[in-house]
Amino acid sequence: MQKVSSILCTFIAGFLLFFAWSGYIREEFNSNEFQGYVIKKERSEKVISMGSSLISQTQYTLFFEDGKRLQVPHAIYLKIREGSHIQLIKNKDNMTLTE
């Protein structure tokens, strides 16, 4: 009886571990691709209230020819010129500029 329960527990643990890892892997490789011509670059300041103090945060936005709008990090904003064709890949919080 003990042998059957240990085999059953091992099988259930392996089954649950498989589904946990498959969800994690699916989430890791889920990415969005943005490509097109950049028609406008915009730098704006956003004021955030943190208790009794105000903090300004710079936001960098790209406008594509098809009407899409995308906020990008400062490093990518500096590399891109208006009128250029770009391809960006966004995975969770990371953004990569491909050439």
Protein backbone atom coordinates (compact mmCIF):
# COMPACT_ATOMS: atom_id res chain seq x y z
CA MET A 1 0.00 0.00 0.00
CA GLN A 2 2.84 2.36 0.84
CA LYS A 3 4.51 1.67 -2.51
CA VAL A 4 1.33 2.52 -4.42
CA SER A 5 0.82 5.78 -2.53
CA SER A 6 4.45 6.85 -3.05
CA ILE A 7 4.16 6.18 -6.80
CA LEU A 8 0.86 8.04 -6.93
CA CYS A 9 2.29 11.04 -5.03
CA THR A 10 5.34 11.12 -7.33
CA PHE A 11 3.11 11.03 -10.41
CA ILE A 12 0.88 13.84 -9.09
CA ALA A 13 3.91 15.96 -8.14
CA GLY A 14 5.42 15.48 -11.60
CA PHE A 15 2.11 16.30 -13.27
CA LEU A 16 1.73 19.54 -11.26
CA LEU A 17 5.34 20.51 -11.86
CA PHE A 18 4.92 20.01 -15.61
CA PHE A 19 1.91 22.34 -15.76
CA ALA A 20 3.60 24.95 -13.57
CA TRP A 21 6.66 25.03 -15.83
CA SER A 22 4.64 25.00 -19.04
CA GLY A 23 2.76 28.14 -17.91
CA TYR A 24 6.04 29.80 -16.93
CA ILE A 25 7.69 29.00 -20.26
CA ARG A 26 4.67 30.22 -22.21
CA GLU A 27 4.78 33.52 -20.30
CA GLU A 28 8.55 33.93 -20.83
CA PHE A 29 8.35 33.54 -24.60
CA ASN A 30 5.27 35.71 -25.07
CA SER A 31 6.41 38.84 -26.91
CA ASN A 32 4.89 41.66 -28.93
CA GLU A 33 6.43 43.06 -32.07
CA PHE A 34 6.06 46.67 -33.18
CA GLN A 35 7.32 47.77 -36.56
CA GLY A 36 6.78 50.64 -38.91
CA TYR A 37 7.86 54.17 -39.67
CA VAL A 38 8.19 56.59 -36.79
CA ILE A 39 6.41 59.82 -37.70
CA LYS A 40 6.85 61.62 -34.41
CA LYS A 41 8.90 61.42 -31.21
CA GLU A 42 7.57 63.08 -28.09
CA ARG A 43 9.20 63.75 -24.74
CA SER A 44 6.85 64.73 -21.93
CA GLU A 45 6.97 65.24 -18.19
CA LYS A 46 4.50 63.50 -15.93
CA VAL A 47 4.02 64.81 -12.40
CA ILE A 48 3.39 62.17 -9.75
CA SER A 49 2.15 62.96 -6.27
CA MET A 50 3.99 60.96 -3.61
CA GLY A 51 2.44 61.96 -0.31
CA SER A 52 3.36 65.57 0.33
CA SER A 53 5.95 65.83 -2.45
CA LEU A 54 5.68 66.02 -6.24
CA ILE A 55 8.00 64.04 -8.49
CA SER A 56 8.36 64.59 -12.22
CA GLN A 57 8.94 61.58 -14.44
CA THR A 58 10.03 61.84 -18.06
CA GLN A 59 8.13 59.75 -20.59
CA TYR A 60 9.32 59.04 -24.11
CA THR A 61 6.68 58.20 -26.72
CA LEU A 62 6.93 57.11 -30.34
CA PHE A 63 4.08 57.59 -32.82
CA PHE A 64 3.92 55.16 -35.73
CA GLU A 65 2.44 55.73 -39.18
CA ASP A 66 -0.51 53.42 -38.48
CA GLY A 67 -1.57 55.43 -35.42
CA LYS A 68 0.01 53.24 -32.77
CA ARG A 69 1.62 54.95 -29.81
CA LEU A 70 4.35 53.30 -27.75
CA GLN A 71 6.26 54.42 -24.67
CA VAL A 72 9.93 53.49 -24.86
CA PRO A 73 12.98 53.74 -22.58
CA HIS A 74 15.37 56.67 -22.89
CA ALA A 75 18.13 54.63 -24.57
CA ILE A 76 15.84 53.49 -27.40
CA TYR A 77 14.37 56.98 -27.75
CA LEU A 78 17.84 58.40 -28.40
CA LYS A 79 18.70 55.79 -31.06
CA ILE A 80 15.59 56.32 -33.17
CA ARG A 81 15.17 59.13 -35.71
CA GLU A 82 11.87 60.45 -37.01
CA GLY A 83 11.01 59.00 -40.41
CA SER A 84 13.06 55.84 -39.89
CA HIS A 85 11.68 52.32 -40.11
CA ILE A 86 12.15 50.38 -36.89
CA GLN A 87 11.28 47.03 -35.39
CA LEU A 88 10.84 46.71 -31.61
CA ILE A 89 10.27 43.53 -29.65
CA LYS A 90 8.67 43.88 -26.23
CA ASN A 91 8.82 41.03 -23.75
CA LYS A 92 7.30 41.80 -20.33
CA ASP A 93 9.27 44.87 -19.20
CA ASN A 94 12.17 44.50 -21.63
CA MET A 95 12.23 46.22 -25.00
CA THR A 96 14.73 45.42 -27.75
CA LEU A 97 15.42 47.40 -30.90
CA THR A 98 16.25 45.08 -33.80
CA GLU A 99 17.95 46.24 -36.94
